[in-house]
Protein backbone atom coordinates (compact mmCIF):
# COMPACT_ATOMS: atom_id res chain seq x y z
CA UNK A 1 9.71 6.46 -2.72
CA UNK A 2 7.75 8.93 -0.17
CA UNK A 3 6.49 8.22 3.15
CA UNK A 4 2.94 8.75 1.82
CA UNK A 5 3.90 5.78 -0.95
CA UNK A 6 5.60 3.62 1.83
CA UNK A 7 2.41 4.00 4.40
CA UNK A 8 -0.42 3.41 1.60
CA UNK A 9 1.61 0.41 0.24
CA UNK A 10 1.91 -1.50 3.44
CA UNK A 11 -1.64 -0.68 4.28
CA UNK A 12 -2.98 -1.92 1.08
CA UNK A 13 -0.97 -4.88 1.37
CA UNK A 14 -2.26 -5.80 5.10
CA UNK A 15 -5.86 -4.77 4.04
CA UNK A 16 -5.39 -7.50 1.25
CA UNK A 17 -3.84 -10.13 3.20
CA UNK A 18 -6.33 -9.68 5.97
CA UNK A 19 -9.24 -10.48 3.32
CA UNK A 20 -7.10 -13.36 1.90
CA UNK A 21 -7.08 -11.95 -1.65
CA UNK A 22 -3.98 -12.22 -3.74
CA UNK A 23 -2.68 -9.45 -5.96
CA UNK A 24 -4.20 -10.87 -9.14
CA UNK A 25 -7.81 -11.07 -7.63
CA UNK A 26 -7.53 -7.68 -6.05
CA UNK A 27 -6.35 -6.28 -9.44
CA UNK A 28 -9.04 -8.14 -11.39
CA UNK A 29 -12.01 -7.18 -9.12
CA UNK A 30 -10.62 -3.44 -9.03
CA UNK A 31 -10.20 -3.36 -13.03
CA UNK A 32 -6.32 -2.57 -12.37
CA UNK A 33 -3.29 -4.38 -13.68
CA UNK A 34 -1.58 -6.89 -11.18
CA UNK A 35 1.67 -5.43 -11.69
CA UNK A 36 0.21 -1.92 -10.56
CA UNK A 37 -1.04 -3.33 -7.07
CA UNK A 38 2.57 -4.88 -6.63
CA UNK A 39 4.20 -1.57 -7.39
CA UNK A 40 1.60 0.13 -4.76
CA UNK A 41 2.39 -2.21 -2.20
CA UNK A 42 6.17 -1.52 -2.66
CA UNK A 43 5.64 2.19 -2.63
CA UNK A 44 7.21 2.71 -5.91
CA UNK A 45 3.72 3.98 -7.44
CA UNK A 46 1.34 6.33 -6.12
CA UNK A 47 -2.35 5.74 -6.96
CA UNK A 48 -4.94 8.22 -8.17
CA UNK A 49 -7.81 9.20 -6.34
CA UNK A 50 -10.13 6.82 -8.73
CA UNK A 51 -7.61 3.93 -8.16
CA UNK A 52 -8.01 4.61 -4.28
CA UNK A 53 -11.67 4.29 -4.80
CA UNK A 54 -11.47 1.22 -6.94
CA UNK A 55 -9.26 -0.61 -4.15
CA UNK A 56 -11.70 0.37 -1.57
CA UNK A 57 -14.56 -0.69 -2.71
CA UNK A 58 -13.06 -4.40 -3.23
CA UNK A 59 -11.47 -4.06 0.24
CA UNK A 60 -14.62 -3.00 1.65
CA UNK A 61 -13.36 0.23 3.33
CA UNK A 62 -14.19 3.73 3.33
CA UNK A 63 -11.66 5.68 1.37
CA UNK A 64 -11.75 8.27 4.14
CA UNK A 65 -10.85 5.53 6.35
CA UNK A 66 -7.95 4.51 4.50
CA UNK A 67 -6.55 8.31 4.12
CA UNK A 68 -6.89 8.73 7.82
CA UNK A 69 -4.80 5.57 8.72
CA UNK A 70 -2.10 6.43 5.93
CA UNK A 71 -2.18 9.83 7.87
CA UNK A 72 -1.56 8.14 11.32
CA UNK A 73 1.18 5.97 10.08
CA UNK A 74 3.09 9.03 8.24
CA UNK A 75 2.57 10.76 11.69
CA UNK A 76 3.81 8.01 13.69
CA UNK A 77 6.79 7.57 11.44
CA UNK A 78 7.66 11.22 11.66
CA UNK A 79 7.57 10.98 15.48
CA UNK A 80 9.75 8.21 15.74
CA UNK A 81 12.24 9.64 13.62
CA UNK A 82 12.75 13.02 15.82
């Protein structure tokens, strides 16, 4: 599990919870498996670009905004570990 995977997973969980979506609902609307959503949120899987776009469409966020936020979180973690 990398910092990238953890940062993406925590952001995905936050966005999903903010929209009051279950993992099952998010998965169904994005055309993905529920266990894959769980693995993404736990940081044990890294999504493909195609999956990122599918998830962003369902969550109503721009993929670029997600990438920027993940990048910010990684940088924040790196600076707090120094």
